[in-house]
Amino acid sequence: MTDATSFNPHKEEDEGYLAAEAGRRLSDNPCPRGTIRHAEWQRGWQRKSDETRRAVRLGRV
């Protein structure tokens, strides 16, 4: 069973995204390595990081 809810089926991915937004590092991933949650957390974190880099490169930040 996952922590996903009917309101937010992608909670694991969102956790990583929100952590990156809050300034947490990728190494702060609270999920055990080798689990789906670990991968989803990293994917969300990476997506936010990519958005930030892209915005800086385009001069939007």
N, C-alpha and C. Protein backbone atom coordinates (compact mmCIF):
# COMPACT_ATOMS: atom_id res chain seq x y z
N MET A 1 0.85 -1.18 0.00
CA MET A 1 0.00 0.00 0.00
C MET A 1 0.89 1.24 0.00
N THR A 2 0.53 2.23 -0.79
CA THR A 2 1.33 3.46 -0.85
C THR A 2 0.62 4.58 -0.11
N ASP A 3 1.29 5.69 -0.02
CA ASP A 3 0.69 6.87 0.61
C ASP A 3 -0.14 7.67 -0.39
N ALA A 4 -0.28 7.17 -1.61
CA ALA A 4 -1.07 7.87 -2.60
C ALA A 4 -2.52 7.92 -2.16
N THR A 5 -3.17 9.00 -2.52
CA THR A 5 -4.57 9.17 -2.16
C THR A 5 -5.39 9.32 -3.42
N SER A 6 -6.71 9.24 -3.30
CA SER A 6 -7.56 9.44 -4.46
C SER A 6 -7.47 10.89 -4.96
N PHE A 7 -7.10 11.79 -4.08
CA PHE A 7 -6.97 13.19 -4.47
C PHE A 7 -5.65 13.46 -5.17
N ASN A 8 -4.62 12.70 -4.83
CA ASN A 8 -3.30 12.94 -5.39
C ASN A 8 -2.60 11.60 -5.61
N PRO A 9 -2.85 10.94 -6.74
CA PRO A 9 -2.26 9.63 -6.98
C PRO A 9 -0.76 9.67 -7.21
N HIS A 10 -0.18 10.85 -7.37
CA HIS A 10 1.26 10.97 -7.62
C HIS A 10 1.97 11.61 -6.43
N LYS A 11 1.50 11.33 -5.24
CA LYS A 11 2.04 11.94 -4.03
C LYS A 11 3.54 11.74 -3.91
N GLU A 12 4.04 10.55 -4.23
CA GLU A 12 5.47 10.28 -4.10
C GLU A 12 6.28 11.24 -4.96
N GLU A 13 5.84 11.44 -6.19
CA GLU A 13 6.56 12.35 -7.08
C GLU A 13 6.47 13.78 -6.57
N ASP A 14 5.31 14.16 -6.09
CA ASP A 14 5.12 15.52 -5.57
C ASP A 14 5.99 15.79 -4.34
N GLU A 15 6.22 14.78 -3.52
CA GLU A 15 7.04 14.97 -2.33
C GLU A 15 8.45 15.43 -2.71
N GLY A 16 9.03 14.80 -3.70
CA GLY A 16 10.37 15.19 -4.15
C GLY A 16 10.37 16.58 -4.75
N TYR A 17 9.35 16.89 -5.52
CA TYR A 17 9.23 18.21 -6.15
C TYR A 17 9.14 19.29 -5.08
N LEU A 18 8.29 19.06 -4.09
CA LEU A 18 8.12 20.04 -3.02
C LEU A 18 9.38 20.16 -2.15
N ALA A 19 10.08 19.05 -1.97
CA ALA A 19 11.33 19.08 -1.20
C ALA A 19 12.36 19.94 -1.92
N ALA A 20 12.47 19.78 -3.23
CA ALA A 20 13.42 20.60 -4.00
C ALA A 20 13.02 22.07 -3.94
N GLU A 21 11.73 22.32 -4.02
CA GLU A 21 11.22 23.69 -3.94
C GLU A 21 11.55 24.32 -2.59
N ALA A 22 11.57 23.50 -1.55
CA ALA A 22 11.86 23.98 -0.20
C ALA A 22 13.37 24.08 0.07
N GLY A 23 14.18 23.69 -0.91
CA GLY A 23 15.62 23.82 -0.76
C GLY A 23 16.33 22.59 -0.21
N ARG A 24 15.60 21.47 -0.10
CA ARG A 24 16.23 20.24 0.38
C ARG A 24 17.09 19.64 -0.72
N ARG A 25 18.11 18.92 -0.33
CA ARG A 25 19.03 18.30 -1.29
C ARG A 25 18.51 16.94 -1.73
N LEU A 26 19.01 16.48 -2.88
CA LEU A 26 18.63 15.17 -3.39
C LEU A 26 19.00 14.07 -2.40
N SER A 27 20.10 14.24 -1.70
CA SER A 27 20.52 13.22 -0.73
C SER A 27 19.62 13.16 0.50
N ASP A 28 18.68 14.10 0.63
CA ASP A 28 17.73 14.09 1.76
C ASP A 28 16.54 13.17 1.52
N ASN A 29 16.58 12.39 0.46
CA ASN A 29 15.48 11.48 0.12
C ASN A 29 15.21 10.55 1.30
N PRO A 30 14.01 10.61 1.90
CA PRO A 30 13.71 9.80 3.08
C PRO A 30 13.33 8.35 2.78
N CYS A 31 13.12 8.02 1.52
CA CYS A 31 12.66 6.69 1.15
C CYS A 31 13.84 5.74 0.96
N PRO A 32 13.68 4.48 1.30
CA PRO A 32 14.77 3.50 1.15
C PRO A 32 15.18 3.32 -0.31
N ARG A 33 16.48 3.25 -0.54
CA ARG A 33 17.03 3.05 -1.88
C ARG A 33 16.50 1.73 -2.45
N GLY A 34 16.21 1.73 -3.75
CA GLY A 34 15.72 0.52 -4.41
C GLY A 34 14.22 0.37 -4.40
N THR A 35 13.51 1.32 -3.80
CA THR A 35 12.05 1.25 -3.77
C THR A 35 11.46 2.17 -4.83
N ILE A 36 10.22 1.92 -5.17
CA ILE A 36 9.54 2.77 -6.15
C ILE A 36 9.40 4.19 -5.60
N ARG A 37 9.11 4.31 -4.32
CA ARG A 37 8.97 5.65 -3.72
C ARG A 37 10.27 6.43 -3.83
N HIS A 38 11.40 5.76 -3.64
CA HIS A 38 12.70 6.42 -3.76
C HIS A 38 12.86 6.99 -5.17
N ALA A 39 12.54 6.18 -6.17
CA ALA A 39 12.66 6.61 -7.56
C ALA A 39 11.68 7.75 -7.88
N GLU A 40 10.46 7.66 -7.39
CA GLU A 40 9.48 8.71 -7.64
C GLU A 40 9.88 10.02 -6.96
N TRP A 41 10.41 9.92 -5.75
CA TRP A 41 10.87 11.11 -5.03
C TRP A 41 11.98 11.77 -5.82
N GLN A 42 12.94 10.97 -6.29
CA GLN A 42 14.05 11.52 -7.07
C GLN A 42 13.56 12.15 -8.37
N ARG A 43 12.60 11.49 -9.02
CA ARG A 43 12.07 12.02 -10.28
C ARG A 43 11.42 13.38 -10.05
N GLY A 44 10.63 13.52 -9.00
CA GLY A 44 10.01 14.81 -8.69
C GLY A 44 11.04 15.86 -8.36
N TRP A 45 12.07 15.48 -7.59
CA TRP A 45 13.14 16.41 -7.23
C TRP A 45 13.87 16.87 -8.49
N GLN A 46 14.17 15.93 -9.38
CA GLN A 46 14.89 16.26 -10.61
C GLN A 46 14.07 17.17 -11.51
N ARG A 47 12.76 16.92 -11.59
CA ARG A 47 11.89 17.75 -12.42
C ARG A 47 11.90 19.20 -11.94
N LYS A 48 11.81 19.40 -10.63
CA LYS A 48 11.84 20.75 -10.09
C LYS A 48 13.20 21.40 -10.35
N SER A 49 14.27 20.65 -10.18
CA SER A 49 15.62 21.18 -10.42
C SER A 49 15.80 21.59 -11.87
N ASP A 50 15.29 20.77 -12.79
CA ASP A 50 15.38 21.10 -14.21
C ASP A 50 14.60 22.36 -14.54
N GLU A 51 13.42 22.50 -13.96
CA GLU A 51 12.61 23.71 -14.18
C GLU A 51 13.35 24.95 -13.70
N THR A 52 13.98 24.83 -12.54
CA THR A 52 14.71 25.96 -11.97
C THR A 52 15.89 26.33 -12.86
N ARG A 53 16.66 25.32 -13.30
CA ARG A 53 17.80 25.59 -14.19
C ARG A 53 17.36 26.24 -15.48
N ARG A 54 16.27 25.74 -16.05
CA ARG A 54 15.76 26.28 -17.30
C ARG A 54 15.33 27.74 -17.12
N ALA A 55 14.68 28.05 -16.02
CA ALA A 55 14.24 29.42 -15.75
C ALA A 55 15.43 30.35 -15.58
N VAL A 56 16.46 29.90 -14.90
CA VAL A 56 17.66 30.72 -14.70
C VAL A 56 18.33 30.98 -16.05
N ARG A 57 18.44 29.94 -16.86
CA ARG A 57 19.07 30.08 -18.18
C ARG A 57 18.30 31.06 -19.05
N LEU A 58 16.98 31.10 -18.91
CA LEU A 58 16.15 32.00 -19.71
C LEU A 58 16.00 33.38 -19.05
N GLY A 59 16.61 33.56 -17.89
CA GLY A 59 16.56 34.85 -17.21
C GLY A 59 15.25 35.14 -16.51
N ARG A 60 14.54 34.12 -16.11
CA ARG A 60 13.24 34.33 -15.47
C ARG A 60 13.33 34.33 -13.96
N VAL A 61 14.50 34.06 -13.40
CA VAL A 61 14.62 34.03 -11.95
C VAL A 61 15.56 35.12 -11.52
